[in-house]
Amino acid sequence: MKKYIAVVLLSIFMISCKSKAVAVQNNNENKEITPKEEKKIIEKHYNNKLDFSTLYIKASARYADEKQSQNVTAEIKIEKDKQILVSVRFLGITMAKALITPTTVSYYEKIKSTYYEGDFTSLSQWLGTELDYSKVQNLLVGEALDDLRNGKYTQTIVENLLRLDDEKSVSLKKSFYLDSDKYLLQKEEISQPAENRMLQILYSDSKVFNQGTLPTSVEINAIHPKGKTNINLNYNNISFNEELSFPYSVPSGYKKVIIK
């Protein structure tokens, strides 16, 4: 059932704690960016911010590791900065559902009839990396997981992409890649070299709406000692600012999962 949980929690948090660091090799010449240019880059990235009250996404999702692969559908509902509801279905049957708010994370899955209710503090301790509601929402709409305006970065140009490397932590490395035209996020990488973990998120097929620009393809790759994991999300149906409902209730008889 881990693959369904990975999709429900948008993959990044369930995988990032078990990934392997991979050195990114680049034979092209790197060009340094001045602090003034860095500020401009970050400002222009946030000029792309989506302006919406609600967002509905119907996506196809594919999970694959070295032992199995699975295609499912995911229905994603977002009330901006308030709540996210994700329903994962296989052959039309709801296999897992998650409700995420700024203070709580809840999900249940059907195969083993289990559910979880908690906050981001316990999940962060369990995963070994800080997470919050904003990171989940940012992942879905193509914004950098971290607020780039609050960080300090080493800036270079790599393969025609603007690369920002977080200088804050040596143990947790983060890199963000933006295109040089519209400053949209193309890729981000998170690695913990000492613990052999790496996570890569790639965005593509961006479409322009009245509310802003949204990537419609999200690819998540993780490499860890036991193998590789790949998850692809393709947004097939997108609508903004509709009245949405967020029904969530754990079926009776399910067993609560305790995270220690």
C-alpha atoms as a PDB file:
ATOM      1  CA  MET A   1       0.000   0.000   0.000  1.00  0.00           C
ATOM      2  CA  LYS A   2       3.038   2.291   0.204  1.00  0.00           C
ATOM      3  CA  LYS A   3       2.620   3.329  -3.439  1.00  0.00           C
ATOM      4  CA  TYR A   4      -0.865   4.666  -2.761  1.00  0.00           C
ATOM      5  CA  ILE A   5       0.311   6.532   0.318  1.00  0.00           C
ATOM      6  CA  ALA A   6       3.126   8.004  -1.756  1.00  0.00           C
ATOM      7  CA  VAL A   7       0.631   9.354  -4.273  1.00  0.00           C
ATOM      8  CA  VAL A   8      -1.783  10.562  -1.616  1.00  0.00           C
ATOM      9  CA  LEU A   9       0.884  12.517   0.250  1.00  0.00           C
ATOM     10  CA  LEU A  10       2.222  13.760  -3.076  1.00  0.00           C
ATOM     11  CA  SER A  11       5.214  11.508  -2.983  1.00  0.00           C
ATOM     12  CA  ILE A  12       7.800  13.986  -1.808  1.00  0.00           C
ATOM     13  CA  PHE A  13       7.477  13.331   1.900  1.00  0.00           C
ATOM     14  CA  MET A  14       7.039   9.569   1.805  1.00  0.00           C
ATOM     15  CA  ILE A  15      10.079   9.169  -0.439  1.00  0.00           C
ATOM     16  CA  SER A  16      12.463  11.894   0.634  1.00  0.00           C
ATOM     17  CA  CYS A  17      13.286  10.140   3.879  1.00  0.00           C
ATOM     18  CA  LYS A  18      14.553   7.063   2.022  1.00  0.00           C
ATOM     19  CA  SER A  19      16.357   8.457  -0.994  1.00  0.00           C
ATOM     20  CA  LYS A  20      19.944   8.312  -2.109  1.00  0.00           C
ATOM     21  CA  ALA A  21      22.073  11.302  -2.940  1.00  0.00           C
ATOM     22  CA  VAL A  22      23.246  11.487  -6.527  1.00  0.00           C
ATOM     23  CA  ALA A  23      25.958  13.854  -7.651  1.00  0.00           C
ATOM     24  CA  VAL A  24      24.718  15.942 -10.567  1.00  0.00           C
ATOM     25  CA  GLN A  25      27.382  16.059 -13.240  1.00  0.00           C
ATOM     26  CA  ASN A  26      27.442  18.900 -15.739  1.00  0.00           C
ATOM     27  CA  ASN A  27      30.111  19.373 -18.363  1.00  0.00           C
ATOM     28  CA  ASN A  28      28.865  22.796 -19.427  1.00  0.00           C
ATOM     29  CA  GLU A  29      30.531  25.880 -18.101  1.00  0.00           C
ATOM     30  CA  ASN A  30      28.795  27.398 -15.100  1.00  0.00           C
ATOM     31  CA  LYS A  31      28.262  31.125 -15.050  1.00  0.00           C
ATOM     32  CA  GLU A  32      27.961  32.912 -11.733  1.00  0.00           C
ATOM     33  CA  ILE A  33      25.043  35.225 -11.033  1.00  0.00           C
ATOM     34  CA  THR A  34      25.459  38.423  -9.051  1.00  0.00           C
ATOM     35  CA  PRO A  35      23.394  39.028  -5.871  1.00  0.00           C
ATOM     36  CA  LYS A  36      21.474  41.742  -7.720  1.00  0.00           C
ATOM     37  CA  GLU A  37      20.578  39.304 -10.487  1.00  0.00           C
ATOM     38  CA  GLU A  38      19.574  36.707  -7.889  1.00  0.00           C
ATOM     39  CA  LYS A  39      17.079  39.098  -6.313  1.00  0.00           C
ATOM     40  CA  LYS A  40      15.616  39.837  -9.728  1.00  0.00           C
ATOM     41  CA  ILE A  41      15.334  36.132 -10.536  1.00  0.00           C
ATOM     42  CA  ILE A  42      13.463  35.356  -7.317  1.00  0.00           C
ATOM     43  CA  GLU A  43      11.133  38.342  -7.717  1.00  0.00           C
ATOM     44  CA  LYS A  44      10.240  37.286 -11.261  1.00  0.00           C
ATOM     45  CA  HIS A  45       9.657  33.701 -10.141  1.00  0.00           C
ATOM     46  CA  TYR A  46       7.013  34.917  -7.693  1.00  0.00           C
ATOM     47  CA  ASN A  47       5.435  37.156 -10.316  1.00  0.00           C
ATOM     48  CA  ASN A  48       4.152  33.869 -11.748  1.00  0.00           C
ATOM     49  CA  LYS A  49       2.188  33.087  -8.584  1.00  0.00           C
ATOM     50  CA  LEU A  50      -1.240  31.619  -9.316  1.00  0.00           C
ATOM     51  CA  ASP A  51      -4.179  33.785  -8.276  1.00  0.00           C
ATOM     52  CA  PHE A  52      -7.038  31.472  -7.291  1.00  0.00           C
ATOM     53  CA  SER A  53      -9.389  30.652  -4.463  1.00  0.00           C
ATOM     54  CA  THR A  54      -9.962  26.998  -5.365  1.00  0.00           C
ATOM     55  CA  LEU A  55      -8.289  24.614  -7.783  1.00  0.00           C
ATOM     56  CA  TYR A  56      -9.603  21.287  -9.064  1.00  0.00           C
ATOM     57  CA  ILE A  57      -7.275  18.802 -10.764  1.00  0.00           C
ATOM     58  CA  LYS A  58      -8.038  15.379 -12.166  1.00  0.00           C
ATOM     59  CA  ALA A  59      -4.782  13.586 -12.861  1.00  0.00           C
ATOM     60  CA  SER A  60      -3.461  10.275 -14.051  1.00  0.00           C
ATOM     61  CA  ALA A  61      -0.701   8.944 -11.833  1.00  0.00           C
ATOM     62  CA  ARG A  62       1.839   6.215 -12.434  1.00  0.00           C
ATOM     63  CA  TYR A  63       3.945   4.672  -9.697  1.00  0.00           C
ATOM     64  CA  ALA A  64       6.909   2.442 -10.555  1.00  0.00           C
ATOM     65  CA  ASP A  65       9.711   0.849  -8.586  1.00  0.00           C
ATOM     66  CA  GLU A  66      12.011  -2.033  -9.456  1.00  0.00           C
ATOM     67  CA  LYS A  67       9.425  -4.623  -8.433  1.00  0.00           C
ATOM     68  CA  GLN A  68       6.116  -3.264  -9.681  1.00  0.00           C
ATOM     69  CA  SER A  69       4.249  -0.481 -11.431  1.00  0.00           C
ATOM     70  CA  GLN A  70       0.718   0.796 -11.025  1.00  0.00           C
ATOM     71  CA  ASN A  71      -1.508   3.280 -12.824  1.00  0.00           C
ATOM     72  CA  VAL A  72      -4.133   5.126 -10.799  1.00  0.00           C
ATOM     73  CA  THR A  73      -6.155   8.311 -11.035  1.00  0.00           C
ATOM     74  CA  ALA A  74      -5.951  11.148  -8.533  1.00  0.00           C
ATOM     75  CA  GLU A  75      -8.536  13.814  -7.830  1.00  0.00           C
ATOM     76  CA  ILE A  76      -6.965  16.855  -6.184  1.00  0.00           C
ATOM     77  CA  LYS A  77      -8.960  19.690  -4.632  1.00  0.00           C
ATOM     78  CA  ILE A  78      -7.275  22.776  -3.209  1.00  0.00           C
ATOM     79  CA  GLU A  79      -8.786  25.631  -1.240  1.00  0.00           C
ATOM     80  CA  LYS A  80      -5.833  27.965  -1.341  1.00  0.00           C
ATOM     81  CA  ASP A  81      -3.845  28.124   1.920  1.00  0.00           C
ATOM     82  CA  LYS A  82      -6.642  26.260   3.752  1.00  0.00           C
ATOM     83  CA  GLN A  83      -7.026  22.630   2.739  1.00  0.00           C
ATOM     84  CA  ILE A  84      -6.114  19.995   0.166  1.00  0.00           C
ATOM     85  CA  LEU A  85      -8.110  16.836  -0.462  1.00  0.00           C
ATOM     86  CA  VAL A  86      -6.565  14.041  -2.542  1.00  0.00           C
ATOM     87  CA  SER A  87      -8.473  10.935  -3.587  1.00  0.00           C
ATOM     88  CA  VAL A  88      -6.614   8.058  -5.263  1.00  0.00           C
ATOM     89  CA  ARG A  89      -8.651   5.594  -7.296  1.00  0.00           C
ATOM     90  CA  PHE A  90      -7.917   2.340  -9.086  1.00  0.00           C
ATOM     91  CA  LEU A  91     -10.476   1.112 -11.623  1.00  0.00           C
ATOM     92  CA  GLY A  92     -12.907   3.659 -10.210  1.00  0.00           C
ATOM     93  CA  ILE A  93     -12.562   2.423  -6.629  1.00  0.00           C
ATOM     94  CA  THR A  94     -11.229   4.815  -3.974  1.00  0.00           C
ATOM     95  CA  MET A  95      -8.080   3.168  -2.602  1.00  0.00           C
ATOM     96  CA  ALA A  96      -6.806   6.028  -0.464  1.00  0.00           C
ATOM     97  CA  LYS A  97      -7.765   9.541   0.555  1.00  0.00           C
ATOM     98  CA  ALA A  98      -5.857  12.320   2.307  1.00  0.00           C
ATOM     99  CA  LEU A  99      -6.953  15.621   3.830  1.00  0.00           C
ATOM    100  CA  ILE A 100      -4.199  18.150   4.479  1.00  0.00           C
ATOM    101  CA  THR A 101      -4.631  21.444   6.324  1.00  0.00           C
ATOM    102  CA  PRO A 102      -2.079  23.891   7.752  1.00  0.00           C
ATOM    103  CA  THR A 103      -2.268  22.077  11.108  1.00  0.00           C
ATOM    104  CA  THR A 104      -3.248  18.461  10.353  1.00  0.00           C
ATOM    105  CA  VAL A 105      -2.497  15.570   8.030  1.00  0.00           C
ATOM    106  CA  SER A 106      -5.031  12.752   7.752  1.00  0.00           C
ATOM    107  CA  TYR A 107      -5.251   9.821   5.388  1.00  0.00           C
ATOM    108  CA  TYR A 108      -6.717   6.354   5.100  1.00  0.00           C
ATOM    109  CA  GLU A 109      -6.033   3.465   2.734  1.00  0.00           C
ATOM    110  CA  LYS A 110      -8.328   0.606   1.836  1.00  0.00           C
ATOM    111  CA  ILE A 111      -6.046  -2.408   1.252  1.00  0.00           C
ATOM    112  CA  LYS A 112      -4.901  -2.764   4.871  1.00  0.00           C
ATOM    113  CA  SER A 113      -7.798  -0.724   6.320  1.00  0.00           C
ATOM    114  CA  THR A 114      -5.525   1.706   8.156  1.00  0.00           C
ATOM    115  CA  TYR A 115      -5.634   5.443   8.775  1.00  0.00           C
ATOM    116  CA  TYR A 116      -3.434   8.213  10.162  1.00  0.00           C
ATOM    117  CA  GLU A 117      -4.288  11.441  11.944  1.00  0.00           C
ATOM    118  CA  GLY A 118      -1.606  13.819  13.160  1.00  0.00           C
ATOM    119  CA  ASP A 119       0.234  17.048  12.572  1.00  0.00           C
ATOM    120  CA  PHE A 120       3.272  18.075  10.579  1.00  0.00           C
ATOM    121  CA  THR A 121       5.530  17.949  13.633  1.00  0.00           C
ATOM    122  CA  SER A 122       5.297  14.184  14.064  1.00  0.00           C
ATOM    123  CA  LEU A 123       5.574  13.565  10.333  1.00  0.00           C
ATOM    124  CA  SER A 124       8.624  15.835  10.092  1.00  0.00           C
ATOM    125  CA  GLN A 125      10.342  13.967  12.922  1.00  0.00           C
ATOM    126  CA  TRP A 126       9.523  10.632  11.321  1.00  0.00           C
ATOM    127  CA  LEU A 127      10.737  11.649   7.855  1.00  0.00           C
ATOM    128  CA  GLY A 128      13.793  13.500   9.091  1.00  0.00           C
ATOM    129  CA  THR A 129      12.982  16.601   7.047  1.00  0.00           C
ATOM    130  CA  GLU A 130      10.808  19.604   7.748  1.00  0.00           C
ATOM    131  CA  LEU A 131       7.488  19.750   5.951  1.00  0.00           C
ATOM    132  CA  ASP A 132       4.373  21.856   6.133  1.00  0.00           C
ATOM    133  CA  TYR A 133       1.182  22.669   4.271  1.00  0.00           C
ATOM    134  CA  SER A 134       2.841  25.260   2.025  1.00  0.00           C
ATOM    135  CA  LYS A 135       5.321  22.710   0.674  1.00  0.00           C
ATOM    136  CA  VAL A 136       2.505  20.380  -0.367  1.00  0.00           C
ATOM    137  CA  GLN A 137       0.573  23.184  -2.037  1.00  0.00           C
ATOM    138  CA  ASN A 138       3.703  24.531  -3.735  1.00  0.00           C
ATOM    139  CA  LEU A 139       4.539  21.102  -5.113  1.00  0.00           C
ATOM    140  CA  LEU A 140       1.159  20.865  -6.808  1.00  0.00           C
ATOM    141  CA  VAL A 141       1.188  24.310  -8.409  1.00  0.00           C
ATOM    142  CA  GLY A 142       4.814  24.392  -9.540  1.00  0.00           C
ATOM    143  CA  GLU A 143       6.315  26.759  -7.005  1.00  0.00           C
ATOM    144  CA  ALA A 144       9.584  26.149  -5.168  1.00  0.00           C
ATOM    145  CA  LEU A 145       9.056  24.032  -2.068  1.00  0.00           C
ATOM    146  CA  ASP A 146      10.837  26.653   0.035  1.00  0.00           C
ATOM    147  CA  ASP A 147      10.136  30.369   0.008  1.00  0.00           C
ATOM    148  CA  LEU A 148      13.142  31.530  -2.005  1.00  0.00           C
ATOM    149  CA  ARG A 149      12.737  35.061  -0.678  1.00  0.00           C
ATOM    150  CA  ASN A 150      13.852  33.876   2.761  1.00  0.00           C
ATOM    151  CA  GLY A 151      16.991  32.011   1.734  1.00  0.00           C
ATOM    152  CA  LYS A 152      20.571  32.631   0.729  1.00  0.00           C
ATOM    153  CA  TYR A 153      21.827  30.964  -2.425  1.00  0.00           C
ATOM    154  CA  THR A 154      24.798  30.292  -4.630  1.00  0.00           C
ATOM    155  CA  GLN A 155      23.657  31.218  -8.123  1.00  0.00           C
ATOM    156  CA  THR A 156      24.869  29.795 -11.434  1.00  0.00           C
ATOM    157  CA  ILE A 157      23.616  29.178 -14.954  1.00  0.00           C
ATOM    158  CA  VAL A 158      23.612  25.475 -15.806  1.00  0.00           C
ATOM    159  CA  GLU A 159      22.502  24.179 -19.208  1.00  0.00           C
ATOM    160  CA  ASN A 160      20.576  27.404 -19.849  1.00  0.00           C
ATOM    161  CA  LEU A 161      18.717  27.106 -16.544  1.00  0.00           C
ATOM    162  CA  LEU A 162      19.125  29.458 -13.591  1.00  0.00           C
ATOM    163  CA  ARG A 163      20.277  27.318 -10.665  1.00  0.00           C
ATOM    164  CA  LEU A 164      19.947  28.410  -7.032  1.00  0.00           C
ATOM    165  CA  ASP A 165      21.767  26.284  -4.428  1.00  0.00           C
ATOM    166  CA  ASP A 166      20.694  26.730  -0.823  1.00  0.00           C
ATOM    167  CA  GLU A 167      23.645  27.713   1.378  1.00  0.00           C
ATOM    168  CA  LYS A 168      21.837  27.272   4.677  1.00  0.00           C
ATOM    169  CA  SER A 169      22.557  23.621   5.412  1.00  0.00           C
ATOM    170  CA  VAL A 170      25.427  21.307   4.537  1.00  0.00           C
ATOM    171  CA  SER A 171      23.617  18.137   5.576  1.00  0.00           C
ATOM    172  CA  LEU A 172      20.466  18.916   3.542  1.00  0.00           C
ATOM    173  CA  LYS A 173      21.236  20.191   0.045  1.00  0.00           C
ATOM    174  CA  LYS A 174      18.595  21.918  -2.064  1.00  0.00           C
ATOM    175  CA  SER A 175      18.827  23.154  -5.654  1.00  0.00           C
ATOM    176  CA  PHE A 176      16.172  25.006  -7.649  1.00  0.00           C
ATOM    177  CA  TYR A 177      16.279  25.370 -11.446  1.00  0.00           C
ATOM    178  CA  LEU A 178      14.307  28.123 -13.215  1.00  0.00           C
ATOM    179  CA  ASP A 179      13.987  28.874 -16.916  1.00  0.00           C
ATOM    180  CA  SER A 180      15.558  32.127 -18.070  1.00  0.00           C
ATOM    181  CA  ASP A 181      12.489  33.294 -19.972  1.00  0.00           C
ATOM    182  CA  LYS A 182       9.524  33.301 -17.589  1.00  0.00           C
ATOM    183  CA  TYR A 183      11.443  32.188 -14.474  1.00  0.00           C
ATOM    184  CA  LEU A 184       9.170  29.197 -14.013  1.00  0.00           C
ATOM    185  CA  LEU A 185      10.407  26.320 -11.866  1.00  0.00           C
ATOM    186  CA  GLN A 186      11.688  23.478 -14.049  1.00  0.00           C
ATOM    187  CA  LYS A 187      13.361  21.236 -11.502  1.00  0.00           C
ATOM    188  CA  GLU A 188      14.283  20.985  -7.829  1.00  0.00           C
ATOM    189  CA  GLU A 189      16.542  18.533  -6.053  1.00  0.00           C
ATOM    190  CA  ILE A 190      16.794  17.637  -2.380  1.00  0.00           C
ATOM    191  CA  SER A 191      19.572  15.415  -1.076  1.00  0.00           C
ATOM    192  CA  GLN A 192      21.019  14.262   2.227  1.00  0.00           C
ATOM    193  CA  PRO A 193      24.453  12.941   1.224  1.00  0.00           C
ATOM    194  CA  ALA A 194      25.399  11.606   4.656  1.00  0.00           C
ATOM    195  CA  GLU A 195      22.253   9.494   4.726  1.00  0.00           C
ATOM    196  CA  ASN A 196      22.284   8.501   1.054  1.00  0.00           C
ATOM    197  CA  ARG A 197      19.019  10.162   0.099  1.00  0.00           C
ATOM    198  CA  MET A 198      17.998  12.053  -3.031  1.00  0.00           C
ATOM    199  CA  LEU A 199      14.729  13.368  -4.418  1.00  0.00           C
ATOM    200  CA  GLN A 200      14.221  15.112  -7.759  1.00  0.00           C
ATOM    201  CA  ILE A 201      11.058  16.864  -8.952  1.00  0.00           C
ATOM    202  CA  LEU A 202      10.646  17.943 -12.584  1.00  0.00           C
ATOM    203  CA  TYR A 203       7.929  20.171 -14.043  1.00  0.00           C
ATOM    204  CA  SER A 204       6.885  20.435 -17.699  1.00  0.00           C
ATOM    205  CA  ASP A 205       4.024  21.144 -20.102  1.00  0.00           C
ATOM    206  CA  SER A 206       3.073  24.441 -18.483  1.00  0.00           C
ATOM    207  CA  LYS A 207      -0.215  25.994 -19.583  1.00  0.00           C
ATOM    208  CA  VAL A 208      -1.346  29.587 -19.262  1.00  0.00           C
ATOM    209  CA  PHE A 209      -4.699  30.280 -17.614  1.00  0.00           C
ATOM    210  CA  ASN A 210      -6.395  33.515 -16.624  1.00  0.00           C
ATOM    211  CA  GLN A 211      -5.214  32.797 -13.072  1.00  0.00           C
ATOM    212  CA  GLY A 212      -1.577  32.290 -14.102  1.00  0.00           C
ATOM    213  CA  THR A 213       0.711  29.544 -15.407  1.00  0.00           C
ATOM    214  CA  LEU A 214       0.472  25.973 -14.120  1.00  0.00           C
ATOM    215  CA  PRO A 215       2.653  22.959 -14.996  1.00  0.00           C
ATOM    216  CA  THR A 216       0.520  20.016 -16.066  1.00  0.00           C
ATOM    217  CA  SER A 217       3.187  17.327 -15.705  1.00  0.00           C
ATOM    218  CA  VAL A 218       5.051  16.539 -12.486  1.00  0.00           C
ATOM    219  CA  GLU A 219       7.702  13.811 -12.377  1.00  0.00           C
ATOM    220  CA  ILE A 220       9.163  12.680  -9.068  1.00  0.00           C
ATOM    221  CA  ASN A 221      12.284  10.508  -8.992  1.00  0.00           C
ATOM    222  CA  ALA A 222      13.888   8.980  -5.949  1.00  0.00           C
ATOM    223  CA  ILE A 223      16.972   6.777  -5.727  1.00  0.00           C
ATOM    224  CA  HIS A 224      17.637   4.808  -2.556  1.00  0.00           C
ATOM    225  CA  PRO A 225      19.701   1.782  -1.493  1.00  0.00           C
ATOM    226  CA  LYS A 226      16.886  -0.647  -2.270  1.00  0.00           C
ATOM    227  CA  GLY A 227      16.266   0.674  -5.765  1.00  0.00           C
ATOM    228  CA  LYS A 228      14.509   3.453  -7.618  1.00  0.00           C
ATOM    229  CA  THR A 229      11.058   4.980  -7.391  1.00  0.00           C
ATOM    230  CA  ASN A 230       9.339   7.029 -10.063  1.00  0.00           C
ATOM    231  CA  ILE A 231       5.991   8.794  -9.882  1.00  0.00           C
ATOM    232  CA  ASN A 232       4.413  10.727 -12.739  1.00  0.00           C
ATOM    233  CA  LEU A 233       1.410  13.019 -12.318  1.00  0.00           C
ATOM    234  CA  ASN A 234      -0.282  14.303 -15.460  1.00  0.00           C
ATOM    235  CA  TYR A 235      -3.036  16.886 -15.032  1.00  0.00           C
ATOM    236  CA  ASN A 236      -5.825  15.987 -17.457  1.00  0.00           C
ATOM    237  CA  ASN A 237      -8.584  18.285 -16.220  1.00  0.00           C
ATOM    238  CA  ILE A 238      -8.069  21.628 -14.469  1.00  0.00           C
ATOM    239  CA  SER A 239     -10.579  24.221 -13.264  1.00  0.00           C
ATOM    240  CA  PHE A 240     -10.306  27.281 -11.042  1.00  0.00           C
ATOM    241  CA  ASN A 241     -12.546  29.052  -8.547  1.00  0.00           C
ATOM    242  CA  GLU A 242     -15.425  26.591  -8.561  1.00  0.00           C
ATOM    243  CA  GLU A 243     -17.331  25.776  -5.400  1.00  0.00           C
ATOM    244  CA  LEU A 244     -15.753  22.572  -4.107  1.00  0.00           C
ATOM    245  CA  SER A 245     -16.646  20.183  -1.317  1.00  0.00           C
ATOM    246  CA  PHE A 246     -14.009  18.450   0.803  1.00  0.00           C
ATOM    247  CA  PRO A 247     -15.686  15.325   2.230  1.00  0.00           C
ATOM    248  CA  TYR A 248     -13.428  13.180   4.380  1.00  0.00           C
ATOM    249  CA  SER A 249     -14.270  10.527   6.953  1.00  0.00           C
ATOM    250  CA  VAL A 250     -12.452   7.363   7.959  1.00  0.00           C
ATOM    251  CA  PRO A 251     -14.506   4.206   7.311  1.00  0.00           C
ATOM    252  CA  SER A 252     -15.519   2.319  10.432  1.00  0.00           C
ATOM    253  CA  GLY A 253     -13.297  -0.530  11.548  1.00  0.00           C
ATOM    254  CA  TYR A 254     -10.036   0.944  10.255  1.00  0.00           C
ATOM    255  CA  LYS A 255      -6.914   0.674  12.431  1.00  0.00           C
ATOM    256  CA  LYS A 256      -5.005   3.818  13.386  1.00  0.00           C
ATOM    257  CA  VAL A 257      -1.348   4.042  12.357  1.00  0.00           C
ATOM    258  CA  ILE A 258       1.003   5.374  15.039  1.00  0.00           C
ATOM    259  CA  ILE A 259       4.122   7.172  13.826  1.00  0.00           C
ATOM    260  CA  LYS A 260       7.022   7.097  16.275  1.00  0.00           C
END
